[in-house]
Amino acid sequence: MGTIGIRYEATVRPSPLPVTLGVSLDGSSVRGRVEDVGDFTVLLTPSGDKVPEEILSAIAYPVAQTLGVLLPPLAHQLIDGHTFTLATVPEVTHDLGGEKVTVSLDDLELTQHDGMVRLSASPRLS
C-alpha cells in the first residue's frame, strides 16, 4: 500500500515578491543584505495526485490557512537582515615568459551610476 499524505501548493502574492537589497564591500567581497521584504500573503491550496490525499488535504484546510497567516511574519524574521556574498574579486596569476605576474585590484569602491551599482578599482601588477 502506498503512502497517503497531506499536500498543498503554496502561492505567494504579490509575485514577484518585492525585496530591497543593500550592497556593500567587505575587503574583496561584494556583499548583499536583505534590507526589506515587502508585505505578502501565502495561499495554500489543497493538491495531490490521489483522491485520499485530496480529501485529507481538504479536511486539514483550516489548519493550512492558519499556517498561511503565520508564515509571512516568520519569513520576515528569517529573511530581513540576511547577508550573503554576491561576488569575490580574485587575484589572477599568469605565467608570462617564465615570470609569474599577479593582477589584483586595489581601492575597490561601490558607487551608483544610472540606477545601477558600479564597482571600480585600481589594477595592480606584481
C-alpha atoms as a PDB file:
ATOM      1  CA  MET A   1       0.000   0.000   0.000  1.00  0.00           C
ATOM      2  CA  GLY A   2       1.318   3.472  -0.893  1.00  0.00           C
ATOM      3  CA  THR A   3       1.801   6.424   1.386  1.00  0.00           C
ATOM      4  CA  ILE A   4      -1.024   8.918   1.726  1.00  0.00           C
ATOM      5  CA  GLY A   5      -0.207  12.377   2.991  1.00  0.00           C
ATOM      6  CA  ILE A   6      -1.442  15.914   3.111  1.00  0.00           C
ATOM      7  CA  ARG A   7      -0.270  18.007   0.181  1.00  0.00           C
ATOM      8  CA  TYR A   8      -0.662  21.709  -0.581  1.00  0.00           C
ATOM      9  CA  GLU A   9       0.536  24.033  -3.281  1.00  0.00           C
ATOM     10  CA  ALA A  10       1.858  27.334  -1.878  1.00  0.00           C
ATOM     11  CA  THR A  11       1.492  30.575  -3.805  1.00  0.00           C
ATOM     12  CA  VAL A  12       2.990  33.896  -2.711  1.00  0.00           C
ATOM     13  CA  ARG A  13       1.171  37.145  -3.533  1.00  0.00           C
ATOM     14  CA  PRO A  14       2.322  39.521  -4.884  1.00  0.00           C
ATOM     15  CA  SER A  15       4.571  37.686  -7.273  1.00  0.00           C
ATOM     16  CA  PRO A  16       7.370  38.501  -7.714  1.00  0.00           C
ATOM     17  CA  LEU A  17       7.882  39.324  -4.067  1.00  0.00           C
ATOM     18  CA  PRO A  18       9.150  42.905  -3.529  1.00  0.00           C
ATOM     19  CA  VAL A  19      12.557  42.753  -1.834  1.00  0.00           C
ATOM     20  CA  THR A  20      15.025  45.598  -1.252  1.00  0.00           C
ATOM     21  CA  LEU A  21      18.700  44.601  -1.193  1.00  0.00           C
ATOM     22  CA  GLY A  22      21.663  46.622   0.020  1.00  0.00           C
ATOM     23  CA  VAL A  23      25.142  46.131  -1.429  1.00  0.00           C
ATOM     24  CA  SER A  24      28.454  46.752   0.351  1.00  0.00           C
ATOM     25  CA  LEU A  25      32.133  45.859   0.219  1.00  0.00           C
ATOM     26  CA  ASP A  26      33.865  43.642   2.750  1.00  0.00           C
ATOM     27  CA  GLY A  27      37.522  43.510   1.731  1.00  0.00           C
ATOM     28  CA  SER A  28      37.493  41.984  -1.750  1.00  0.00           C
ATOM     29  CA  SER A  29      33.958  40.597  -1.399  1.00  0.00           C
ATOM     30  CA  VAL A  30      30.782  42.254  -2.619  1.00  0.00           C
ATOM     31  CA  ARG A  31      28.123  41.508  -0.014  1.00  0.00           C
ATOM     32  CA  GLY A  32      24.342  41.684  -0.257  1.00  0.00           C
ATOM     33  CA  ARG A  33      21.968  42.328   2.624  1.00  0.00           C
ATOM     34  CA  VAL A  34      18.190  41.919   2.623  1.00  0.00           C
ATOM     35  CA  GLU A  35      17.063  45.372   3.729  1.00  0.00           C
ATOM     36  CA  ASP A  36      13.311  44.918   3.420  1.00  0.00           C
ATOM     37  CA  VAL A  37      10.828  42.294   2.330  1.00  0.00           C
ATOM     38  CA  GLY A  38       7.515  43.815   1.276  1.00  0.00           C
ATOM     39  CA  ASP A  39       4.211  42.645   2.676  1.00  0.00           C
ATOM     40  CA  PHE A  40       2.962  39.407   1.180  1.00  0.00           C
ATOM     41  CA  THR A  41       0.471  36.641   1.725  1.00  0.00           C
ATOM     42  CA  VAL A  42       0.779  32.894   1.323  1.00  0.00           C
ATOM     43  CA  LEU A  43      -2.137  30.998  -0.172  1.00  0.00           C
ATOM     44  CA  LEU A  44      -2.152  27.236   0.423  1.00  0.00           C
ATOM     45  CA  THR A  45      -4.333  25.221  -1.926  1.00  0.00           C
ATOM     46  CA  PRO A  46      -5.046  21.505  -1.409  1.00  0.00           C
ATOM     47  CA  SER A  47      -3.439  19.316  -4.041  1.00  0.00           C
ATOM     48  CA  GLY A  48      -2.429  15.722  -4.502  1.00  0.00           C
ATOM     49  CA  ASP A  49      -2.312  13.031  -7.120  1.00  0.00           C
ATOM     50  CA  LYS A  50      -4.524  10.594  -5.232  1.00  0.00           C
ATOM     51  CA  VAL A  51      -8.151  11.023  -4.138  1.00  0.00           C
ATOM     52  CA  PRO A  52      -7.385  10.186  -0.454  1.00  0.00           C
ATOM     53  CA  GLU A  53      -4.640  12.884  -0.439  1.00  0.00           C
ATOM     54  CA  GLU A  54      -7.069  15.444  -1.848  1.00  0.00           C
ATOM     55  CA  ILE A  55      -9.684  14.523   0.777  1.00  0.00           C
ATOM     56  CA  LEU A  56      -7.240  14.673   3.719  1.00  0.00           C
ATOM     57  CA  SER A  57      -5.802  17.957   2.440  1.00  0.00           C
ATOM     58  CA  ALA A  58      -9.293  19.441   2.148  1.00  0.00           C
ATOM     59  CA  ILE A  59     -10.159  18.331   5.715  1.00  0.00           C
ATOM     60  CA  ALA A  60      -6.983  19.950   7.058  1.00  0.00           C
ATOM     61  CA  TYR A  61      -7.575  23.134   5.016  1.00  0.00           C
ATOM     62  CA  PRO A  62      -8.462  25.346   8.053  1.00  0.00           C
ATOM     63  CA  VAL A  63      -5.121  24.422   9.673  1.00  0.00           C
ATOM     64  CA  ALA A  64      -3.333  25.176   6.405  1.00  0.00           C
ATOM     65  CA  GLN A  65      -4.932  28.627   6.234  1.00  0.00           C
ATOM     66  CA  THR A  66      -3.694  29.342   9.771  1.00  0.00           C
ATOM     67  CA  LEU A  67      -0.191  28.420   8.568  1.00  0.00           C
ATOM     68  CA  GLY A  68      -0.671  30.759   5.614  1.00  0.00           C
ATOM     69  CA  VAL A  69      -1.276  33.609   8.077  1.00  0.00           C
ATOM     70  CA  LEU A  70       1.687  32.652  10.309  1.00  0.00           C
ATOM     71  CA  LEU A  71       4.257  32.135   7.525  1.00  0.00           C
ATOM     72  CA  PRO A  72       4.749  35.778   6.371  1.00  0.00           C
ATOM     73  CA  PRO A  73       5.821  37.160   9.796  1.00  0.00           C
ATOM     74  CA  LEU A  74       8.096  34.147  10.286  1.00  0.00           C
ATOM     75  CA  ALA A  75       9.607  34.657   6.833  1.00  0.00           C
ATOM     76  CA  HIS A  76      10.256  38.323   7.662  1.00  0.00           C
ATOM     77  CA  GLN A  77      12.135  37.281  10.818  1.00  0.00           C
ATOM     78  CA  LEU A  78      14.211  34.743   8.879  1.00  0.00           C
ATOM     79  CA  ILE A  79      14.947  36.858   5.800  1.00  0.00           C
ATOM     80  CA  ASP A  80      15.211  40.500   6.969  1.00  0.00           C
ATOM     81  CA  GLY A  81      18.852  41.392   7.592  1.00  0.00           C
ATOM     82  CA  HIS A  82      20.210  38.209   5.987  1.00  0.00           C
ATOM     83  CA  THR A  83      23.644  38.806   4.421  1.00  0.00           C
ATOM     84  CA  PHE A  84      25.351  36.841   1.670  1.00  0.00           C
ATOM     85  CA  THR A  85      28.328  37.089  -0.686  1.00  0.00           C
ATOM     86  CA  LEU A  86      27.427  38.178  -4.214  1.00  0.00           C
ATOM     87  CA  ALA A  87      30.947  38.009  -5.637  1.00  0.00           C
ATOM     88  CA  THR A  88      34.583  37.933  -4.612  1.00  0.00           C
ATOM     89  CA  VAL A  89      37.184  39.829  -6.633  1.00  0.00           C
ATOM     90  CA  PRO A  90      40.062  37.380  -7.087  1.00  0.00           C
ATOM     91  CA  GLU A  91      43.748  37.873  -7.715  1.00  0.00           C
ATOM     92  CA  VAL A  92      44.776  36.356 -11.048  1.00  0.00           C
ATOM     93  CA  THR A  93      48.250  34.901 -11.616  1.00  0.00           C
ATOM     94  CA  HIS A  94      49.657  34.127 -15.070  1.00  0.00           C
ATOM     95  CA  ASP A  95      52.953  32.732 -16.264  1.00  0.00           C
ATOM     96  CA  LEU A  96      54.332  35.296 -18.701  1.00  0.00           C
ATOM     97  CA  GLY A  97      57.638  34.320 -20.323  1.00  0.00           C
ATOM     98  CA  GLY A  98      58.711  32.262 -17.331  1.00  0.00           C
ATOM     99  CA  GLU A  99      57.776  35.013 -14.853  1.00  0.00           C
ATOM    100  CA  LYS A 100      54.700  34.894 -12.658  1.00  0.00           C
ATOM    101  CA  VAL A 101      52.593  38.034 -12.956  1.00  0.00           C
ATOM    102  CA  THR A 102      49.791  38.671 -10.484  1.00  0.00           C
ATOM    103  CA  VAL A 103      46.983  41.097 -11.286  1.00  0.00           C
ATOM    104  CA  SER A 104      44.917  42.306  -8.359  1.00  0.00           C
ATOM    105  CA  LEU A 105      42.593  45.216  -7.691  1.00  0.00           C
ATOM    106  CA  ASP A 106      43.167  47.882  -5.048  1.00  0.00           C
ATOM    107  CA  ASP A 107      40.942  50.692  -3.778  1.00  0.00           C
ATOM    108  CA  LEU A 108      37.695  48.879  -4.509  1.00  0.00           C
ATOM    109  CA  GLU A 109      34.746  51.240  -4.428  1.00  0.00           C
ATOM    110  CA  LEU A 110      30.993  50.771  -4.912  1.00  0.00           C
ATOM    111  CA  THR A 111      29.074  53.677  -6.403  1.00  0.00           C
ATOM    112  CA  GLN A 112      25.747  54.195  -8.118  1.00  0.00           C
ATOM    113  CA  HIS A 113      25.599  55.075 -11.802  1.00  0.00           C
ATOM    114  CA  ASP A 114      22.388  55.429 -13.857  1.00  0.00           C
ATOM    115  CA  GLY A 115      20.402  53.399 -11.314  1.00  0.00           C
ATOM    116  CA  MET A 116      22.963  50.592 -11.276  1.00  0.00           C
ATOM    117  CA  VAL A 117      25.760  49.633  -8.909  1.00  0.00           C
ATOM    118  CA  ARG A 118      29.266  50.226 -10.248  1.00  0.00           C
ATOM    119  CA  LEU A 119      32.384  48.562  -8.863  1.00  0.00           C
ATOM    120  CA  SER A 120      35.563  50.466  -9.611  1.00  0.00           C
ATOM    121  CA  ALA A 121      39.159  49.722  -8.616  1.00  0.00           C
ATOM    122  CA  SER A 122      42.804  50.395  -9.415  1.00  0.00           C
ATOM    123  CA  PRO A 123      44.664  47.492 -11.045  1.00  0.00           C
ATOM    124  CA  ARG A 124      47.967  46.401  -9.520  1.00  0.00           C
ATOM    125  CA  LEU A 125      50.614  44.226 -11.168  1.00  0.00           C
ATOM    126  CA  SER A 126      53.183  42.349  -9.128  1.00  0.00           C
END
